Amino acid sequence: MDRRPRRSGRPRATRRTGGGGMSRDAREYRRNLAAQALGRFLYVAGGAGILIAASHVMSLADVGTYALGVGFLAIVWSFADLGTTAALGTLLTATPAAEQGNMLGSFVALRLAISLVAGLVGAGATYLFLPPSLWTVMTLACLLTPLLGARFFEPVFQVGGQPQYSRLAGYLYVAVLVSTAAPVLWLAPGRPDLLIGAHMLAGLAYAGLGLALCWRLMGVGFGRVAEHALPILRIAGPLGLSGLLAMLNLRLAIAVLQWLRGPEDLAIFFAAQRFLELGAALVATAITPMFVIFTRLQQDGAVTGAAQRALALALAFGLPVVLAAPLLSGPVVGLIYGPAFAASAPVAAILSMQLALTAIGMALLPVIVAIGRQGMLIPAAAAALAVNLVLCPLLVSRLGPQGAAWSAVAAEAVIAGVPLIVVRARVEGLLARRLILWVLFAGAAMTVTMLALRPLSETLGGVAGLAVYALIILFSGLLRAGEVRNPLQPLQAR
């Protein structure tokens, strides 16, 4: 078979290029980030675009039913993943090039077994938790989980040196989704089950192309499945259980709102939650390439500087979102969803705090895996789910969708806070004072700007505040080329 050259998984020496250039890892990070950013954006934006279109042609109740089905599938696919995707990049990086095909084959075999179990459990749960109108399409989607949930190919593209393949899968996903969802919204706007079916067809195309490209790039060998299964589970198990608990935590509000308030309030919350998911996808795009890179850094003992910058960038992203949301959520929600979803604006403002906390937690994930402390993610996620289980029914019964948002923020504080404490104890100097002070100063200037302009226009105040914040961060040096393009500054200085 004609195969492309495979990139070695062993740690590589990095060097600073002449003329002020960037290290090899810096260039690799930029390349991975750009390609995966577009691929992930296409995938997430495609789903968000369908929701926006549905909000203008479907009733609130139908949008709520659609949200219930999509949320249920997200839980099933999280079960099918079980943390293996996050572990795959680390595993392939630590595997010699000659063995990477066998490692990938072992991963595929293990993933297939987990997906079959997840699909069967999901198919049975469909008849317990979902309305009859969704039974047929959801049962079919659950039984197809081994393929629909096979969205693990980005680490393979990254390690194999072809991150641009992510874009091809994204293009196909959007093309199939638009071509199947548009006729449903035009001809049968009262059929949320058919809209979920459009997502299913697009997901099949997305995963199918991704798997084919993985096979072409690296090859798949199944001769050493038993040998590789335990190392995969050792790394992926804690990530998977914590990820499944986190997904249950994220989707708990959907079940509680459906149970206590009905599909209309569920639609209001789901529309606001889409902003959170889009923001989280942006953060995940920046963080995903770091799993491979942080593994190399830990082997070289140079993880501290990169961890500082990852956390500082997470804070720099989250703070302005929280500050601007009270002023901008109303105009943005009205522009995107229309007046029927006006109640989503305060929910989105509350969820902005959850997004900021999510950014912090995601920034710490590669560090946790690199230092071998992924086991502590399970109690953190379990504690967050327990908090949400107690608070969500109480607050939803009194405050509706806003109560669900406040409960989600409290749970996310636990998920982000526990890893922050643990990583800070293991990584000396994690909270770099200079970087943190610049972020706080920019936030204070943004707040003053918004308060000064708010009497004239809340929208003007929010936009001007964001502009002031961005200018200060740019001039602070926090986003200098060497620090943004290369999170591996300690290696670059060697």
Protein backbone atom coordinates (compact mmCIF):
# COMPACT_ATOMS: atom_id res chain seq x y z
CA MET A 1 0.00 0.00 0.00
CA ASP A 2 1.19 3.48 -0.78
CA ARG A 3 1.23 5.34 2.52
CA ARG A 4 2.35 8.77 3.49
CA PRO A 5 5.37 9.03 5.80
CA ARG A 6 4.43 8.70 9.43
CA ARG A 7 5.62 11.15 12.04
CA SER A 8 7.56 9.60 14.87
CA GLY A 9 5.86 9.55 18.24
CA ARG A 10 9.16 9.90 20.17
CA PRO A 11 10.01 13.21 21.85
CA ARG A 12 11.95 15.38 19.49
CA ALA A 13 14.57 17.95 20.14
CA THR A 14 13.31 21.40 19.42
CA ARG A 15 15.47 24.24 18.24
CA ARG A 16 15.13 27.90 17.56
CA THR A 17 15.43 28.66 13.89
CA GLY A 18 17.63 31.42 12.65
CA GLY A 19 16.46 34.94 12.08
CA GLY A 20 14.02 34.99 14.97
CA GLY A 21 12.00 32.07 13.62
CA MET A 22 9.91 29.70 15.65
CA SER A 23 10.73 26.23 16.90
CA ARG A 24 9.51 23.13 15.12
CA ASP A 25 6.91 22.52 17.83
CA ALA A 26 5.76 26.14 17.50
CA ARG A 27 5.16 25.73 13.78
CA GLU A 28 3.45 22.40 14.39
CA TYR A 29 1.14 23.95 16.98
CA ARG A 30 0.14 26.78 14.62
CA ARG A 31 -0.51 24.35 11.78
CA ASN A 32 -2.60 22.03 13.95
CA LEU A 33 -4.48 24.93 15.49
CA ALA A 34 -5.40 26.50 12.16
CA ALA A 35 -6.56 23.26 10.54
CA GLN A 36 -8.46 21.94 13.53
CA ALA A 37 -9.99 25.34 14.22
CA LEU A 38 -11.65 25.37 10.82
CA GLY A 39 -12.73 21.73 11.03
CA ARG A 40 -14.19 22.13 14.51
CA PHE A 41 -15.81 25.45 13.63
CA LEU A 42 -17.55 23.89 10.65
CA TYR A 43 -18.85 21.02 12.78
CA VAL A 44 -20.14 23.17 15.66
CA ALA A 45 -21.34 26.07 13.52
CA GLY A 46 -23.29 23.68 11.30
CA GLY A 47 -25.37 22.46 14.24
CA ALA A 48 -25.77 25.98 15.59
CA GLY A 49 -26.92 27.23 12.20
CA ILE A 50 -29.63 24.57 12.02
CA LEU A 51 -30.86 25.54 15.49
CA ILE A 52 -31.02 29.19 14.47
CA ALA A 53 -32.99 28.33 11.35
CA ALA A 54 -35.30 26.08 13.36
CA SER A 55 -35.96 28.85 15.88
CA HIS A 56 -37.51 30.94 13.10
CA VAL A 57 -39.77 28.28 11.58
CA MET A 58 -40.56 25.85 14.41
CA SER A 59 -42.61 26.36 17.56
CA LEU A 60 -40.92 26.61 20.95
CA ALA A 61 -42.29 23.19 21.86
CA ASP A 62 -40.84 21.58 18.71
CA VAL A 63 -37.47 23.25 19.28
CA GLY A 64 -37.53 21.89 22.82
CA THR A 65 -38.24 18.36 21.57
CA TYR A 66 -35.39 18.69 19.08
CA ALA A 67 -33.09 19.89 21.88
CA LEU A 68 -34.10 16.93 24.04
CA GLY A 69 -33.13 14.46 21.30
CA VAL A 70 -29.83 16.16 20.49
CA GLY A 71 -28.91 16.35 24.17
CA PHE A 72 -29.69 12.65 24.64
CA LEU A 73 -27.45 11.70 21.71
CA ALA A 74 -24.63 13.81 23.15
CA ILE A 75 -24.73 11.70 26.32
CA VAL A 76 -24.72 8.43 24.36
CA TRP A 77 -21.76 9.55 22.24
CA SER A 78 -19.88 10.70 25.34
CA PHE A 79 -20.37 7.19 26.73
CA ALA A 80 -19.08 5.78 23.43
CA ASP A 81 -15.99 8.00 23.63
CA LEU A 82 -15.16 7.25 27.28
CA GLY A 83 -12.15 9.55 27.19
CA THR A 84 -10.36 7.63 24.48
CA THR A 85 -10.13 10.54 22.04
CA ALA A 86 -8.30 12.74 24.55
CA ALA A 87 -5.90 9.87 25.27
CA LEU A 88 -5.24 8.94 21.64
CA GLY A 89 -2.89 11.82 20.86
CA THR A 90 -0.82 11.08 23.96
CA LEU A 91 -0.69 7.36 23.16
CA LEU A 92 0.34 7.83 19.53
CA THR A 93 3.00 10.38 20.49
CA ALA A 94 4.55 7.94 22.97
CA THR A 95 4.47 5.08 20.42
CA PRO A 96 7.31 4.50 17.91
CA ALA A 97 6.30 5.22 14.32
CA ALA A 98 6.50 1.57 13.32
CA GLU A 99 3.94 0.64 15.99
CA GLN A 100 1.50 3.52 15.54
CA GLY A 101 -0.70 1.56 13.12
CA ASN A 102 -1.05 -1.27 15.65
CA MET A 103 -1.82 1.21 18.42
CA LEU A 104 -4.50 2.82 16.25
CA GLY A 105 -5.96 -0.59 15.40
CA SER A 106 -6.13 -1.52 19.08
CA PHE A 107 -7.79 1.81 19.77
CA VAL A 108 -10.39 1.24 17.03
CA ALA A 109 -11.19 -2.26 18.32
CA LEU A 110 -11.62 -1.04 21.89
CA ARG A 111 -13.65 1.93 20.76
CA LEU A 112 -15.93 -0.34 18.72
CA ALA A 113 -16.66 -2.52 21.76
CA ILE A 114 -17.43 0.49 23.97
CA SER A 115 -19.62 2.05 21.28
CA LEU A 116 -21.68 -1.10 20.85
CA VAL A 117 -22.44 -1.16 24.57
CA ALA A 118 -23.23 2.57 24.60
CA GLY A 119 -25.54 2.23 21.61
CA LEU A 120 -27.49 -0.67 23.07
CA VAL A 121 -27.91 1.10 26.41
CA GLY A 122 -28.98 4.28 24.63
CA ALA A 123 -31.51 2.44 22.48
CA GLY A 124 -33.11 0.95 25.57
CA ALA A 125 -33.12 4.27 27.42
CA THR A 126 -34.85 5.94 24.47
CA TYR A 127 -38.15 4.29 25.38
CA LEU A 128 -37.84 5.35 29.03
CA PHE A 129 -36.86 9.00 28.75
CA LEU A 130 -37.93 10.34 25.34
CA PRO A 131 -41.37 11.09 23.86
CA PRO A 132 -42.82 8.56 21.38
CA SER A 133 -42.35 10.94 18.46
CA LEU A 134 -38.57 10.45 18.76
CA TRP A 135 -38.46 6.71 19.35
CA THR A 136 -37.77 5.60 15.78
CA VAL A 137 -35.04 8.06 14.83
CA MET A 138 -33.33 7.89 18.22
CA THR A 139 -33.28 4.10 18.26
CA LEU A 140 -31.67 4.09 14.82
CA ALA A 141 -29.14 6.75 15.85
CA CYS A 142 -28.20 4.79 18.99
CA LEU A 143 -27.72 1.55 17.07
CA LEU A 144 -25.44 3.42 14.65
CA THR A 145 -23.34 4.79 17.52
CA PRO A 146 -20.19 2.78 16.57
CA LEU A 147 -19.97 4.93 13.44
CA LEU A 148 -21.77 8.10 14.52
CA GLY A 149 -19.65 8.35 17.66
CA ALA A 150 -16.34 7.71 15.87
CA ARG A 151 -15.17 11.31 16.02
CA PHE A 152 -11.63 10.61 17.21
CA PHE A 153 -9.60 11.29 14.09
CA GLU A 154 -8.16 14.76 14.86
CA PRO A 155 -5.32 13.37 17.03
CA VAL A 156 -4.49 10.89 14.25
CA PHE A 157 -4.30 13.71 11.70
CA GLN A 158 -2.14 15.72 14.09
CA VAL A 159 0.38 12.99 14.89
CA GLY A 160 0.37 11.82 11.27
CA GLY A 161 1.36 15.27 10.07
CA GLN A 162 -1.84 15.99 8.10
CA PRO A 163 -3.99 18.21 10.38
CA GLN A 164 -5.61 19.80 7.33
CA TYR A 165 -7.67 16.64 6.90
CA SER A 166 -9.93 18.00 9.66
CA ARG A 167 -11.19 20.59 7.20
CA LEU A 168 -12.26 17.98 4.67
CA ALA A 169 -14.45 16.21 7.22
CA GLY A 170 -15.91 19.56 8.29
CA TYR A 171 -16.76 20.55 4.72
CA LEU A 172 -18.57 17.26 4.11
CA TYR A 173 -20.48 17.50 7.38
CA VAL A 174 -21.83 20.96 6.60
CA ALA A 175 -22.72 20.02 3.02
CA VAL A 176 -24.71 16.95 4.06
CA LEU A 177 -26.35 18.69 7.02
CA VAL A 178 -27.54 21.68 5.02
CA SER A 179 -28.74 19.59 2.09
CA THR A 180 -30.82 17.32 4.36
CA ALA A 181 -31.99 19.76 7.03
CA ALA A 182 -33.11 22.51 4.66
CA PRO A 183 -35.90 20.42 3.05
CA VAL A 184 -37.11 19.37 6.51
CA LEU A 185 -37.32 22.96 7.74
CA TRP A 186 -39.02 24.03 4.51
CA LEU A 187 -41.50 21.19 4.03
CA ALA A 188 -42.00 19.70 7.52
CA PRO A 189 -41.14 22.29 10.20
CA GLY A 190 -43.26 20.43 12.75
CA ARG A 191 -41.11 17.27 12.59
CA PRO A 192 -38.15 17.56 14.98
CA ASP A 193 -37.50 13.85 14.52
CA LEU A 194 -36.70 14.41 10.84
CA LEU A 195 -34.36 17.25 11.78
CA ILE A 196 -32.51 14.89 14.12
CA GLY A 197 -32.38 12.45 11.21
CA ALA A 198 -30.59 15.10 9.15
CA HIS A 199 -27.98 15.40 11.90
CA MET A 200 -27.61 11.62 11.86
CA LEU A 201 -26.94 11.49 8.11
CA ALA A 202 -24.40 14.31 8.36
CA GLY A 203 -22.71 12.56 11.28
CA LEU A 204 -22.42 9.34 9.28
CA ALA A 205 -20.71 11.19 6.43
CA TYR A 206 -18.43 13.08 8.84
CA ALA A 207 -17.26 10.00 10.72
CA GLY A 208 -17.04 7.84 7.62
CA LEU A 209 -14.69 10.23 5.83
CA GLY A 210 -12.63 10.71 8.98
CA LEU A 211 -12.14 6.98 9.41
CA ALA A 212 -11.19 6.54 5.75
CA LEU A 213 -8.58 9.29 6.01
CA CYS A 214 -7.18 7.78 9.22
CA TRP A 215 -6.82 4.43 7.49
CA ARG A 216 -5.09 6.03 4.51
CA LEU A 217 -2.74 8.12 6.67
CA MET A 218 -1.55 5.67 9.29
CA GLY A 219 -2.97 2.27 8.50
CA VAL A 220 -4.71 0.08 11.06
CA GLY A 221 -3.30 -3.12 12.51
CA PHE A 222 -5.25 -5.44 14.79
CA GLY A 223 -2.47 -7.86 15.75
CA ARG A 224 -1.70 -6.44 19.21
CA VAL A 225 -5.09 -5.44 20.58
CA ALA A 226 -4.72 -7.36 23.84
CA GLU A 227 -1.31 -5.82 24.51
CA HIS A 228 -2.42 -2.24 23.91
CA ALA A 229 -5.87 -2.36 25.50
CA LEU A 230 -4.64 -1.92 29.08
CA PRO A 231 -2.43 1.15 28.41
CA ILE A 232 -5.30 2.76 26.51
CA LEU A 233 -7.74 2.14 29.36
CA ARG A 234 -5.21 3.26 31.97
CA ILE A 235 -5.03 6.72 30.43
CA ALA A 236 -8.51 6.94 28.95
CA GLY A 237 -10.47 5.46 31.85
CA PRO A 238 -10.26 8.45 34.22
CA LEU A 239 -10.75 10.88 31.35
CA GLY A 240 -13.72 8.90 30.08
CA LEU A 241 -15.53 8.53 33.38
CA SER A 242 -14.98 12.18 34.24
CA GLY A 243 -16.04 13.20 30.72
CA LEU A 244 -19.22 11.12 30.95
CA LEU A 245 -20.04 12.65 34.32
CA ALA A 246 -19.34 16.10 32.88
CA MET A 247 -21.65 15.42 29.93
CA LEU A 248 -24.41 14.24 32.29
CA ASN A 249 -23.78 17.39 34.28
CA LEU A 250 -24.05 19.55 31.16
CA ARG A 251 -27.27 17.89 29.94
CA LEU A 252 -28.94 17.50 33.34
CA ALA A 253 -30.73 20.82 32.92
CA ILE A 254 -32.42 19.56 29.75
CA ALA A 255 -33.97 16.61 31.58
CA VAL A 256 -34.99 18.70 34.60
CA LEU A 257 -36.53 21.44 32.47
CA GLN A 258 -38.46 18.89 30.41
CA TRP A 259 -39.70 17.26 33.61
CA LEU A 260 -40.59 20.36 35.64
CA ARG A 261 -41.28 23.12 33.10
CA GLY A 262 -41.97 21.63 29.65
CA PRO A 263 -40.45 21.89 26.15
CA GLU A 264 -40.92 25.68 25.83
CA ASP A 265 -38.60 26.49 28.74
CA LEU A 266 -36.27 23.76 27.52
CA ALA A 267 -36.03 25.51 24.14
CA ILE A 268 -35.22 28.83 25.87
CA PHE A 269 -32.38 27.24 27.82
CA PHE A 270 -31.03 25.22 24.89
CA ALA A 271 -30.81 28.29 22.67
CA ALA A 272 -28.73 30.07 25.31
CA GLN A 273 -26.60 26.99 25.93
CA ARG A 274 -25.58 26.95 22.27
CA PHE A 275 -23.49 30.09 22.90
CA LEU A 276 -21.71 28.21 25.68
CA GLU A 277 -21.02 25.26 23.38
CA LEU A 278 -19.67 27.49 20.61
CA GLY A 279 -17.31 29.20 23.05
CA ALA A 280 -16.22 25.88 24.52
CA ALA A 281 -15.50 24.61 21.01
CA LEU A 282 -13.18 27.57 20.43
CA VAL A 283 -11.31 26.79 23.64
CA ALA A 284 -11.15 23.07 22.82
CA THR A 285 -9.68 23.91 19.42
CA ALA A 286 -6.76 25.67 21.08
CA ILE A 287 -6.32 23.00 23.75
CA THR A 288 -6.56 19.77 21.70
CA PRO A 289 -3.12 20.05 20.02
CA MET A 290 -1.56 20.59 23.45
CA PHE A 291 -2.13 17.00 24.59
CA VAL A 292 0.60 15.81 22.24
CA ILE A 293 2.85 18.79 22.93
CA PHE A 294 2.51 18.73 26.73
CA THR A 295 3.48 15.06 26.72
CA ARG A 296 6.79 16.01 25.09
CA LEU A 297 7.23 18.93 27.47
CA GLN A 298 6.74 16.77 30.54
CA GLN A 299 9.38 14.38 29.26
CA ASP A 300 11.76 17.35 28.92
CA GLY A 301 10.77 18.90 32.27
CA ALA A 302 9.57 22.14 30.66
CA VAL A 303 5.85 22.08 31.37
CA THR A 304 5.67 25.04 33.79
CA GLY A 305 6.07 27.91 31.35
CA ALA A 306 3.57 26.46 28.89
CA ALA A 307 1.08 25.78 31.70
CA GLN A 308 1.34 29.40 32.82
CA ARG A 309 0.51 30.69 29.38
CA ALA A 310 -2.31 28.22 28.81
CA LEU A 311 -4.00 29.29 32.04
CA ALA A 312 -3.39 32.99 31.40
CA LEU A 313 -4.89 32.74 27.91
CA ALA A 314 -7.93 30.95 29.38
CA LEU A 315 -8.42 33.79 31.85
CA ALA A 316 -7.87 36.37 29.12
CA PHE A 317 -10.61 34.69 27.07
CA GLY A 318 -13.12 34.16 29.87
CA LEU A 319 -13.05 37.49 31.71
CA PRO A 320 -14.29 39.77 28.89
CA VAL A 321 -17.04 37.28 28.03
CA VAL A 322 -18.38 37.49 31.58
CA LEU A 323 -18.13 41.28 31.72
CA ALA A 324 -19.74 41.95 28.33
CA ALA A 325 -22.51 39.35 28.49
CA PRO A 326 -25.00 41.39 30.57
CA LEU A 327 -24.91 44.19 27.98
CA LEU A 328 -24.59 42.23 24.74
CA SER A 329 -26.60 39.05 25.31
CA GLY A 330 -29.93 40.80 24.65
CA PRO A 331 -29.02 42.31 21.27
CA VAL A 332 -27.16 39.18 20.14
CA VAL A 333 -29.98 36.78 21.09
CA GLY A 334 -32.57 39.04 19.47
CA LEU A 335 -30.55 39.31 16.28
CA ILE A 336 -29.91 35.56 15.97
CA TYR A 337 -33.04 33.88 17.32
CA GLY A 338 -35.70 36.56 17.06
CA PRO A 339 -38.14 38.00 19.64
CA ALA A 340 -39.66 34.62 20.55
CA PHE A 341 -36.41 33.74 22.33
CA ALA A 342 -35.97 37.01 24.26
CA ALA A 343 -36.00 35.05 27.53
CA SER A 344 -32.79 33.33 26.43
CA ALA A 345 -30.77 36.55 26.85
CA PRO A 346 -30.49 36.55 30.68
CA VAL A 347 -29.83 32.81 30.58
CA ALA A 348 -26.94 33.37 28.16
CA ALA A 349 -25.55 36.11 30.42
CA ILE A 350 -25.49 33.70 33.36
CA LEU A 351 -23.96 30.90 31.29
CA SER A 352 -21.10 33.22 30.31
CA MET A 353 -19.69 32.56 33.78
CA GLN A 354 -19.83 28.84 33.09
CA LEU A 355 -17.93 29.41 29.83
CA ALA A 356 -15.14 31.25 31.66
CA LEU A 357 -14.83 28.40 34.15
CA THR A 358 -14.91 25.86 31.32
CA ALA A 359 -11.98 27.63 29.66
CA ILE A 360 -9.93 27.32 32.85
CA GLY A 361 -10.76 23.65 33.26
CA MET A 362 -9.94 22.85 29.64
CA ALA A 363 -6.63 24.72 29.83
CA LEU A 364 -5.58 22.52 32.73
CA LEU A 365 -6.53 19.21 31.09
CA PRO A 366 -3.33 18.69 29.04
CA VAL A 367 -1.26 19.55 32.11
CA ILE A 368 -3.14 17.01 34.23
CA VAL A 369 -2.61 14.27 31.65
CA ALA A 370 1.07 15.18 31.24
CA ILE A 371 1.77 14.94 34.99
CA GLY A 372 -0.25 11.73 35.31
CA ARG A 373 -3.00 13.02 37.60
CA GLN A 374 -6.01 12.32 35.38
CA GLY A 375 -7.46 10.08 38.11
CA MET A 376 -8.46 13.13 40.15
CA LEU A 377 -10.83 14.23 37.38
CA ILE A 378 -13.34 11.56 38.42
CA PRO A 379 -14.04 12.83 41.97
CA ALA A 380 -14.13 16.41 40.66
CA ALA A 381 -16.74 15.55 38.02
CA ALA A 382 -18.72 13.42 40.47
CA ALA A 383 -18.78 16.25 43.02
CA ALA A 384 -19.94 18.69 40.34
CA LEU A 385 -22.73 16.35 39.26
CA ALA A 386 -23.83 15.96 42.88
CA VAL A 387 -24.00 19.75 43.27
CA ASN A 388 -26.05 20.03 40.09
CA LEU A 389 -28.40 17.20 41.08
CA VAL A 390 -29.25 19.04 44.28
CA LEU A 391 -29.41 22.60 42.97
CA CYS A 392 -30.95 22.15 39.52
CA PRO A 393 -34.43 20.87 40.54
CA LEU A 394 -34.65 23.43 43.34
CA LEU A 395 -33.65 26.40 41.20
CA VAL A 396 -35.55 25.33 38.08
CA SER A 397 -38.79 24.99 40.04
CA ARG A 398 -38.41 28.60 41.20
CA LEU A 399 -36.50 30.40 38.44
CA GLY A 400 -37.05 28.27 35.33
CA PRO A 401 -34.26 28.36 32.72
CA GLN A 402 -32.28 30.94 34.70
CA GLY A 403 -32.24 28.58 37.67
CA ALA A 404 -30.81 25.84 35.46
CA ALA A 405 -28.08 28.25 34.36
CA TRP A 406 -27.13 29.18 37.93
CA SER A 407 -26.95 25.52 38.87
CA ALA A 408 -24.67 24.83 35.89
CA VAL A 409 -22.34 27.66 36.96
CA ALA A 410 -22.06 26.24 40.49
CA ALA A 411 -21.25 22.78 39.14
CA GLU A 412 -18.67 24.15 36.69
CA ALA A 413 -16.93 25.99 39.53
CA VAL A 414 -16.30 22.61 41.14
CA ILE A 415 -15.05 21.05 37.89
CA ALA A 416 -12.58 23.91 37.30
CA GLY A 417 -11.64 24.57 40.92
CA VAL A 418 -10.50 21.11 41.96
CA PRO A 419 -8.04 20.63 39.05
CA LEU A 420 -6.72 24.17 39.57
CA ILE A 421 -5.87 23.37 43.19
CA VAL A 422 -4.22 20.05 42.30
CA VAL A 423 -2.22 21.38 39.35
CA ARG A 424 -1.07 24.42 41.30
CA ALA A 425 0.32 22.09 43.96
CA ARG A 426 2.23 20.06 41.35
CA VAL A 427 3.34 22.78 38.90
CA GLU A 428 5.40 25.44 40.60
CA GLY A 429 4.59 29.01 39.58
CA LEU A 430 1.39 28.12 37.72
CA LEU A 431 -0.23 31.50 38.39
CA ALA A 432 2.28 33.89 36.84
CA ARG A 433 1.71 37.23 38.59
CA ARG A 434 2.57 39.44 35.63
CA LEU A 435 0.16 37.69 33.29
CA ILE A 436 -2.69 37.65 35.81
CA LEU A 437 -2.24 41.33 36.72
CA TRP A 438 -2.47 42.37 33.08
CA VAL A 439 -5.70 40.41 32.63
CA LEU A 440 -7.22 41.98 35.76
CA PHE A 441 -6.13 45.48 34.73
CA ALA A 442 -7.66 45.04 31.28
CA GLY A 443 -10.87 43.78 32.90
CA ALA A 444 -11.05 46.82 35.17
CA ALA A 445 -10.57 49.20 32.23
CA MET A 446 -13.25 47.35 30.29
CA THR A 447 -15.69 47.67 33.20
CA VAL A 448 -15.09 51.42 33.52
CA THR A 449 -15.63 51.88 29.77
CA MET A 450 -18.90 49.95 29.79
CA LEU A 451 -20.25 51.82 32.81
CA ALA A 452 -19.36 55.18 31.25
CA LEU A 453 -21.09 54.44 27.93
CA ARG A 454 -24.04 52.43 29.23
CA PRO A 455 -26.33 55.50 29.62
CA LEU A 456 -25.89 56.16 25.89
CA SER A 457 -26.25 52.57 24.66
CA GLU A 458 -25.72 49.20 26.30
CA THR A 459 -24.60 47.73 22.99
CA LEU A 460 -22.11 50.55 22.42
CA GLY A 461 -20.81 50.16 25.96
CA GLY A 462 -20.29 46.43 25.53
CA VAL A 463 -18.54 46.71 22.17
CA ALA A 464 -16.33 49.60 23.33
CA GLY A 465 -15.44 47.71 26.50
CA LEU A 466 -14.36 44.68 24.49
CA ALA A 467 -12.25 46.92 22.24
CA VAL A 468 -10.50 48.53 25.22
CA TYR A 469 -9.85 45.11 26.74
CA ALA A 470 -8.41 43.75 23.49
CA LEU A 471 -6.11 46.76 23.03
CA ILE A 472 -4.71 46.49 26.56
CA ILE A 473 -4.09 42.76 26.22
CA LEU A 474 -2.36 43.30 22.88
CA PHE A 475 -0.09 46.03 24.24
CA SER A 476 0.61 44.09 27.43
CA GLY A 477 2.71 41.55 25.59
CA LEU A 478 0.56 38.67 26.81
CA LEU A 479 -0.30 37.90 23.20
CA ARG A 480 3.14 38.49 21.73
CA ALA A 481 3.87 36.35 18.70
CA GLY A 482 6.24 34.14 20.64
CA GLU A 483 3.64 33.39 23.30
CA VAL A 484 0.51 33.00 21.18
CA ARG A 485 1.99 31.13 18.28
CA ASN A 486 4.18 29.06 20.54
CA PRO A 487 2.94 27.84 23.92
CA LEU A 488 6.34 26.14 24.24
CA GLN A 489 8.40 29.21 25.11
CA PRO A 490 10.69 27.33 27.54
CA LEU A 491 11.79 24.96 24.77
CA GLN A 492 12.27 27.79 22.30
CA ALA A 493 14.82 29.43 24.56
CA ARG A 494 17.10 26.37 24.56
